[in-house]
Amino acid sequence: MPEPLPTIEYVGEDGVRRELDFQRAPHAPWRALLVESEETDGGMRHVGTEQLRELRIDGEARTAVSLVETLEGP
């Protein structure tokens, strides 16, 4: 099973809590998705999703998975 990707939460200068959730694409785990949410009165609200071309964390590519992991599935 590939290593999970990080979620980053922060509060901006405007006082709004936001979340950047990096996820593996369900049918292409070698691709990453960025799911953005922000806090509203009723909880977290989805802002948008973007497919990423590349994701590096501390200079290391993080979305690559082996062919074996891809074929084995969850």
PDB file of N, CA and C in Angstrom:
ATOM      1  N   MET A   1       0.850  -1.182   0.000  1.00  0.00           N
ATOM      2  CA  MET A   1       0.000   0.000   0.000  1.00  0.00           C
ATOM      3  C   MET A   1       0.893   1.242   0.000  1.00  0.00           C
ATOM      4  N   PRO A   2       0.654   2.178  -0.911  1.00  0.00           N
ATOM      5  CA  PRO A   2       1.475   3.390  -0.943  1.00  0.00           C
ATOM      6  C   PRO A   2       1.280   4.236   0.311  1.00  0.00           C
ATOM      7  N   GLU A   3       2.321   4.967   0.640  1.00  0.00           N
ATOM      8  CA  GLU A   3       2.293   5.859   1.799  1.00  0.00           C
ATOM      9  C   GLU A   3       1.240   6.949   1.598  1.00  0.00           C
ATOM     10  N   PRO A   4       0.446   7.268   2.636  1.00  0.00           N
ATOM     11  CA  PRO A   4      -0.552   8.333   2.487  1.00  0.00           C
ATOM     12  C   PRO A   4       0.114   9.690   2.285  1.00  0.00           C
ATOM     13  N   LEU A   5      -0.608  10.578   1.651  1.00  0.00           N
ATOM     14  CA  LEU A   5      -0.117  11.933   1.397  1.00  0.00           C
ATOM     15  C   LEU A   5      -0.611  12.857   2.507  1.00  0.00           C
ATOM     16  N   PRO A   6       0.058  13.982   2.732  1.00  0.00           N
ATOM     17  CA  PRO A   6      -0.257  14.837   3.883  1.00  0.00           C
ATOM     18  C   PRO A   6      -1.504  15.702   3.708  1.00  0.00           C
ATOM     19  N   THR A   7      -2.008  16.142   4.845  1.00  0.00           N
ATOM     20  CA  THR A   7      -3.052  17.161   4.915  1.00  0.00           C
ATOM     21  C   THR A   7      -2.456  18.336   5.680  1.00  0.00           C
ATOM     22  N   ILE A   8      -2.634  19.528   5.154  1.00  0.00           N
ATOM     23  CA  ILE A   8      -2.114  20.740   5.787  1.00  0.00           C
ATOM     24  C   ILE A   8      -3.296  21.613   6.172  1.00  0.00           C
ATOM     25  N   GLU A   9      -3.349  22.008   7.436  1.00  0.00           N
ATOM     26  CA  GLU A   9      -4.391  22.920   7.910  1.00  0.00           C
ATOM     27  C   GLU A   9      -3.722  24.214   8.350  1.00  0.00           C
ATOM     28  N   TYR A  10      -4.374  25.333   8.064  1.00  0.00           N
ATOM     29  CA  TYR A  10      -3.838  26.626   8.491  1.00  0.00           C
ATOM     30  C   TYR A  10      -4.972  27.620   8.646  1.00  0.00           C
ATOM     31  N   VAL A  11      -4.712  28.684   9.397  1.00  0.00           N
ATOM     32  CA  VAL A  11      -5.649  29.793   9.557  1.00  0.00           C
ATOM     33  C   VAL A  11      -4.977  31.014   8.951  1.00  0.00           C
ATOM     34  N   GLY A  12      -5.633  31.609   7.959  1.00  0.00           N
ATOM     35  CA  GLY A  12      -5.081  32.777   7.277  1.00  0.00           C
ATOM     36  C   GLY A  12      -5.236  34.052   8.089  1.00  0.00           C
ATOM     37  N   GLU A  13      -4.666  35.111   7.583  1.00  0.00           N
ATOM     38  CA  GLU A  13      -4.751  36.426   8.221  1.00  0.00           C
ATOM     39  C   GLU A  13      -6.210  36.839   8.412  1.00  0.00           C
ATOM     40  N   ASP A  14      -7.098  36.358   7.530  1.00  0.00           N
ATOM     41  CA  ASP A  14      -8.524  36.688   7.615  1.00  0.00           C
ATOM     42  C   ASP A  14      -9.257  35.900   8.694  1.00  0.00           C
ATOM     43  N   GLY A  15      -8.553  34.970   9.387  1.00  0.00           N
ATOM     44  CA  GLY A  15      -9.159  34.192  10.460  1.00  0.00           C
ATOM     45  C   GLY A  15      -9.891  32.948   9.996  1.00  0.00           C
ATOM     46  N   VAL A  16      -9.865  32.643   8.702  1.00  0.00           N
ATOM     47  CA  VAL A  16     -10.569  31.480   8.166  1.00  0.00           C
ATOM     48  C   VAL A  16      -9.630  30.273   8.162  1.00  0.00           C
ATOM     49  N   ARG A  17     -10.111  29.162   8.747  1.00  0.00           N
ATOM     50  CA  ARG A  17      -9.347  27.919   8.743  1.00  0.00           C
ATOM     51  C   ARG A  17      -9.505  27.255   7.378  1.00  0.00           C
ATOM     52  N   ARG A  18      -8.376  26.859   6.806  1.00  0.00           N
ATOM     53  CA  ARG A  18      -8.382  26.196   5.503  1.00  0.00           C
ATOM     54  C   ARG A  18      -7.624  24.882   5.600  1.00  0.00           C
ATOM     55  N   GLU A  19      -7.962  23.979   4.701  1.00  0.00           N
ATOM     56  CA  GLU A  19      -7.337  22.662   4.676  1.00  0.00           C
ATOM     57  C   GLU A  19      -6.932  22.333   3.250  1.00  0.00           C
ATOM     58  N   LEU A  20      -5.693  21.894   3.086  1.00  0.00           N
ATOM     59  CA  LEU A  20      -5.191  21.398   1.808  1.00  0.00           C
ATOM     60  C   LEU A  20      -4.939  19.910   2.006  1.00  0.00           C
ATOM     61  N   ASP A  21      -5.739  19.079   1.368  1.00  0.00           N
ATOM     62  CA  ASP A  21      -5.659  17.629   1.540  1.00  0.00           C
ATOM     63  C   ASP A  21      -5.111  17.023   0.254  1.00  0.00           C
ATOM     64  N   PHE A  22      -3.908  16.492   0.315  1.00  0.00           N
ATOM     65  CA  PHE A  22      -3.307  15.848  -0.850  1.00  0.00           C
ATOM     66  C   PHE A  22      -3.711  14.382  -0.827  1.00  0.00           C
ATOM     67  N   GLN A  23      -4.272  13.895  -1.925  1.00  0.00           N
ATOM     68  CA  GLN A  23      -4.768  12.521  -2.004  1.00  0.00           C
ATOM     69  C   GLN A  23      -4.257  11.865  -3.274  1.00  0.00           C
ATOM     70  N   ARG A  24      -4.181  10.548  -3.243  1.00  0.00           N
ATOM     71  CA  ARG A  24      -3.862   9.806  -4.463  1.00  0.00           C
ATOM     72  C   ARG A  24      -5.145   9.683  -5.285  1.00  0.00           C
ATOM     73  N   ALA A  25      -5.021   9.826  -6.601  1.00  0.00           N
ATOM     74  CA  ALA A  25      -6.191   9.673  -7.472  1.00  0.00           C
ATOM     75  C   ALA A  25      -6.690   8.231  -7.338  1.00  0.00           C
ATOM     76  N   PRO A  26      -8.000   8.012  -7.177  1.00  0.00           N
ATOM     77  CA  PRO A  26      -8.532   6.673  -6.915  1.00  0.00           C
ATOM     78  C   PRO A  26      -8.132   5.617  -7.951  1.00  0.00           C
ATOM     79  N   HIS A  27      -8.149   5.944  -9.221  1.00  0.00           N
ATOM     80  CA  HIS A  27      -7.854   4.952 -10.259  1.00  0.00           C
ATOM     81  C   HIS A  27      -6.477   5.139 -10.869  1.00  0.00           C
ATOM     82  N   ALA A  28      -5.680   6.041 -10.309  1.00  0.00           N
ATOM     83  CA  ALA A  28      -4.317   6.286 -10.793  1.00  0.00           C
ATOM     84  C   ALA A  28      -3.470   6.750  -9.605  1.00  0.00           C
ATOM     85  N   PRO A  29      -3.066   5.821  -8.708  1.00  0.00           N
ATOM     86  CA  PRO A  29      -2.390   6.219  -7.470  1.00  0.00           C
ATOM     87  C   PRO A  29      -1.042   6.903  -7.666  1.00  0.00           C
ATOM     88  N   TRP A  30      -0.529   6.890  -8.878  1.00  0.00           N
ATOM     89  CA  TRP A  30       0.721   7.607  -9.161  1.00  0.00           C
ATOM     90  C   TRP A  30       0.456   9.082  -9.429  1.00  0.00           C
ATOM     91  N   ARG A  31      -0.818   9.487  -9.470  1.00  0.00           N
ATOM     92  CA  ARG A  31      -1.208  10.894  -9.648  1.00  0.00           C
ATOM     93  C   ARG A  31      -1.736  11.417  -8.319  1.00  0.00           C
ATOM     94  N   ALA A  32      -1.576  12.714  -8.098  1.00  0.00           N
ATOM     95  CA  ALA A  32      -2.049  13.329  -6.852  1.00  0.00           C
ATOM     96  C   ALA A  32      -3.165  14.320  -7.140  1.00  0.00           C
ATOM     97  N   LEU A  33      -4.057  14.443  -6.169  1.00  0.00           N
ATOM     98  CA  LEU A  33      -5.128  15.436  -6.207  1.00  0.00           C
ATOM     99  C   LEU A  33      -4.938  16.375  -5.024  1.00  0.00           C
ATOM    100  N   LEU A  34      -5.265  17.633  -5.227  1.00  0.00           N
ATOM    101  CA  LEU A  34      -5.295  18.609  -4.144  1.00  0.00           C
ATOM    102  C   LEU A  34      -6.759  18.949  -3.902  1.00  0.00           C
ATOM    103  N   VAL A  35      -7.256  18.641  -2.705  1.00  0.00           N
ATOM    104  CA  VAL A  35      -8.637  18.933  -2.334  1.00  0.00           C
ATOM    105  C   VAL A  35      -8.597  20.075  -1.323  1.00  0.00           C
ATOM    106  N   GLU A  36      -9.201  21.213  -1.678  1.00  0.00           N
ATOM    107  CA  GLU A  36      -9.181  22.397  -0.818  1.00  0.00           C
ATOM    108  C   GLU A  36     -10.534  22.579  -0.136  1.00  0.00           C
ATOM    109  N   SER A  37     -10.484  22.889   1.160  1.00  0.00           N
ATOM    110  CA  SER A  37     -11.689  23.150   1.947  1.00  0.00           C
ATOM    111  C   SER A  37     -11.442  24.365   2.820  1.00  0.00           C
ATOM    112  N   GLU A  38     -12.536  25.024   3.229  1.00  0.00           N
ATOM    113  CA  GLU A  38     -12.410  26.126   4.183  1.00  0.00           C
ATOM    114  C   GLU A  38     -13.557  26.055   5.173  1.00  0.00           C
ATOM    115  N   GLU A  39     -13.318  26.595   6.365  1.00  0.00           N
ATOM    116  CA  GLU A  39     -14.285  26.551   7.447  1.00  0.00           C
ATOM    117  C   GLU A  39     -15.403  27.559   7.211  1.00  0.00           C
ATOM    118  N   THR A  40     -16.629  27.116   7.439  1.00  0.00           N
ATOM    119  CA  THR A  40     -17.795  27.997   7.396  1.00  0.00           C
ATOM    120  C   THR A  40     -18.538  27.827   8.717  1.00  0.00           C
ATOM    121  N   ASP A  41     -19.650  28.491   8.878  1.00  0.00           N
ATOM    122  CA  ASP A  41     -20.428  28.359  10.115  1.00  0.00           C
ATOM    123  C   ASP A  41     -20.882  26.927  10.350  1.00  0.00           C
ATOM    124  N   GLY A  42     -21.143  26.189   9.284  1.00  0.00           N
ATOM    125  CA  GLY A  42     -21.646  24.828   9.412  1.00  0.00           C
ATOM    126  C   GLY A  42     -20.579  23.757   9.315  1.00  0.00           C
ATOM    127  N   GLY A  43     -19.315  24.105   9.372  1.00  0.00           N
ATOM    128  CA  GLY A  43     -18.239  23.120   9.261  1.00  0.00           C
ATOM    129  C   GLY A  43     -17.343  23.435   8.080  1.00  0.00           C
ATOM    130  N   MET A  44     -16.686  22.416   7.559  1.00  0.00           N
ATOM    131  CA  MET A  44     -15.773  22.606   6.433  1.00  0.00           C
ATOM    132  C   MET A  44     -16.555  22.530   5.120  1.00  0.00           C
ATOM    133  N   ARG A  45     -16.224  23.426   4.186  1.00  0.00           N
ATOM    134  CA  ARG A  45     -16.890  23.486   2.879  1.00  0.00           C
ATOM    135  C   ARG A  45     -15.846  23.212   1.805  1.00  0.00           C
ATOM    136  N   HIS A  46     -16.197  22.321   0.882  1.00  0.00           N
ATOM    137  CA  HIS A  46     -15.310  21.997  -0.241  1.00  0.00           C
ATOM    138  C   HIS A  46     -15.172  23.226  -1.135  1.00  0.00           C
ATOM    139  N   VAL A  47     -13.935  23.603  -1.456  1.00  0.00           N
ATOM    140  CA  VAL A  47     -13.678  24.765  -2.298  1.00  0.00           C
ATOM    141  C   VAL A  47     -13.333  24.332  -3.717  1.00  0.00           C
ATOM    142  N   GLY A  48     -12.559  23.270  -3.844  1.00  0.00           N
ATOM    143  CA  GLY A  48     -12.178  22.821  -5.176  1.00  0.00           C
ATOM    144  C   GLY A  48     -11.226  21.643  -5.126  1.00  0.00           C
ATOM    145  N   THR A  49     -11.080  21.001  -6.280  1.00  0.00           N
ATOM    146  CA  THR A  49     -10.162  19.876  -6.435  1.00  0.00           C
ATOM    147  C   THR A  49      -9.351  20.117  -7.691  1.00  0.00           C
ATOM    148  N   GLU A  50      -8.059  19.848  -7.602  1.00  0.00           N
ATOM    149  CA  GLU A  50      -7.179  20.040  -8.749  1.00  0.00           C
ATOM    150  C   GLU A  50      -6.265  18.829  -8.884  1.00  0.00           C
ATOM    151  N   GLN A  51      -6.161  18.291 -10.094  1.00  0.00           N
ATOM    152  CA  GLN A  51      -5.210  17.215 -10.339  1.00  0.00           C
ATOM    153  C   GLN A  51      -3.824  17.831 -10.490  1.00  0.00           C
ATOM    154  N   LEU A  52      -2.868  17.299  -9.765  1.00  0.00           N
ATOM    155  CA  LEU A  52      -1.514  17.846  -9.776  1.00  0.00           C
ATOM    156  C   LEU A  52      -0.628  17.088 -10.754  1.00  0.00           C
ATOM    157  N   ARG A  53       0.223  17.793 -11.403  1.00  0.00           N
ATOM    158  CA  ARG A  53       1.184  17.191 -12.326  1.00  0.00           C
ATOM    159  C   ARG A  53       2.338  16.562 -11.545  1.00  0.00           C
ATOM    160  N   GLU A  54       2.701  17.194 -10.428  1.00  0.00           N
ATOM    161  CA  GLU A  54       3.814  16.713  -9.611  1.00  0.00           C
ATOM    162  C   GLU A  54       3.599  17.176  -8.177  1.00  0.00           C
ATOM    163  N   LEU A  55       3.996  16.345  -7.220  1.00  0.00           N
ATOM    164  CA  LEU A  55       3.946  16.720  -5.809  1.00  0.00           C
ATOM    165  C   LEU A  55       5.290  16.359  -5.185  1.00  0.00           C
ATOM    166  N   ARG A  56       5.955  17.355  -4.620  1.00  0.00           N
ATOM    167  CA  ARG A  56       7.228  17.143  -3.931  1.00  0.00           C
ATOM    168  C   ARG A  56       7.074  17.648  -2.506  1.00  0.00           C
ATOM    169  N   ILE A  57       7.577  16.865  -1.562  1.00  0.00           N
ATOM    170  CA  ILE A  57       7.551  17.244  -0.159  1.00  0.00           C
ATOM    171  C   ILE A  57       8.988  17.185   0.331  1.00  0.00           C
ATOM    172  N   ASP A  58       9.483  18.298   0.810  1.00  0.00           N
ATOM    173  CA  ASP A  58      10.887  18.413   1.218  1.00  0.00           C
ATOM    174  C   ASP A  58      11.819  17.956   0.101  1.00  0.00           C
ATOM    175  N   GLY A  59      11.479  18.306  -1.142  1.00  0.00           N
ATOM    176  CA  GLY A  59      12.321  18.000  -2.292  1.00  0.00           C
ATOM    177  C   GLY A  59      12.198  16.596  -2.840  1.00  0.00           C
ATOM    178  N   GLU A  60      11.355  15.764  -2.237  1.00  0.00           N
ATOM    179  CA  GLU A  60      11.217  14.370  -2.656  1.00  0.00           C
ATOM    180  C   GLU A  60       9.873  14.156  -3.349  1.00  0.00           C
ATOM    181  N   ALA A  61       9.908  13.524  -4.537  1.00  0.00           N
ATOM    182  CA  ALA A  61       8.657  13.190  -5.234  1.00  0.00           C
ATOM    183  C   ALA A  61       7.878  12.207  -4.373  1.00  0.00           C
ATOM    184  N   ARG A  62       6.584  12.464  -4.165  1.00  0.00           N
ATOM    185  CA  ARG A  62       5.803  11.650  -3.238  1.00  0.00           C
ATOM    186  C   ARG A  62       4.649  10.886  -3.854  1.00  0.00           C
ATOM    187  N   THR A  63       4.362  11.052  -5.131  1.00  0.00           N
ATOM    188  CA  THR A  63       3.186  10.372  -5.659  1.00  0.00           C
ATOM    189  C   THR A  63       3.503   9.081  -6.382  1.00  0.00           C
ATOM    190  N   ALA A  64       4.752   8.823  -6.673  1.00  0.00           N
ATOM    191  CA  ALA A  64       5.102   7.615  -7.412  1.00  0.00           C
ATOM    192  C   ALA A  64       4.821   6.372  -6.568  1.00  0.00           C
ATOM    193  N   VAL A  65       4.257   5.357  -7.211  1.00  0.00           N
ATOM    194  CA  VAL A  65       4.054   4.049  -6.585  1.00  0.00           C
ATOM    195  C   VAL A  65       4.576   2.999  -7.543  1.00  0.00           C
ATOM    196  N   SER A  66       4.883   1.832  -7.018  1.00  0.00           N
ATOM    197  CA  SER A  66       5.399   0.774  -7.881  1.00  0.00           C
ATOM    198  C   SER A  66       4.269   0.129  -8.671  1.00  0.00           C
ATOM    199  N   LEU A  67       4.608  -0.505  -9.764  1.00  0.00           N
ATOM    200  CA  LEU A  67       3.628  -1.215 -10.581  1.00  0.00           C
ATOM    201  C   LEU A  67       2.958  -2.311  -9.765  1.00  0.00           C
ATOM    202  N   VAL A  68       3.703  -2.992  -8.910  1.00  0.00           N
ATOM    203  CA  VAL A  68       3.147  -4.056  -8.067  1.00  0.00           C
ATOM    204  C   VAL A  68       2.069  -3.484  -7.155  1.00  0.00           C
ATOM    205  N   GLU A  69       2.337  -2.337  -6.516  1.00  0.00           N
ATOM    206  CA  GLU A  69       1.345  -1.713  -5.635  1.00  0.00           C
ATOM    207  C   GLU A  69       0.089  -1.335  -6.408  1.00  0.00           C
ATOM    208  N   THR A  70       0.255  -0.894  -7.638  1.00  0.00           N
ATOM    209  CA  THR A  70      -0.886  -0.501  -8.467  1.00  0.00           C
ATOM    210  C   THR A  70      -1.747  -1.704  -8.811  1.00  0.00           C
ATOM    211  N   LEU A  71      -1.126  -2.810  -9.166  1.00  0.00           N
ATOM    212  CA  LEU A  71      -1.868  -4.008  -9.568  1.00  0.00           C
ATOM    213  C   LEU A  71      -2.490  -4.728  -8.380  1.00  0.00           C
ATOM    214  N   GLU A  72      -1.863  -4.653  -7.208  1.00  0.00           N
ATOM    215  CA  GLU A  72      -2.394  -5.317  -6.021  1.00  0.00           C
ATOM    216  C   GLU A  72      -3.647  -4.641  -5.502  1.00  0.00           C
ATOM    217  N   GLY A  73      -3.744  -3.342  -5.676  1.00  0.00           N
ATOM    218  CA  GLY A  73      -4.913  -2.611  -5.194  1.00  0.00           C
ATOM    219  C   GLY A  73      -4.883  -2.439  -3.691  1.00  0.00           C
ATOM    220  N   PRO A  74      -5.990  -1.916  -3.120  1.00  0.00           N
ATOM    221  CA  PRO A  74      -6.033  -1.650  -1.670  1.00  0.00           C
ATOM    222  C   PRO A  74      -6.104  -2.918  -0.855  1.00  0.00           C
TER     223      PRO A  74
END
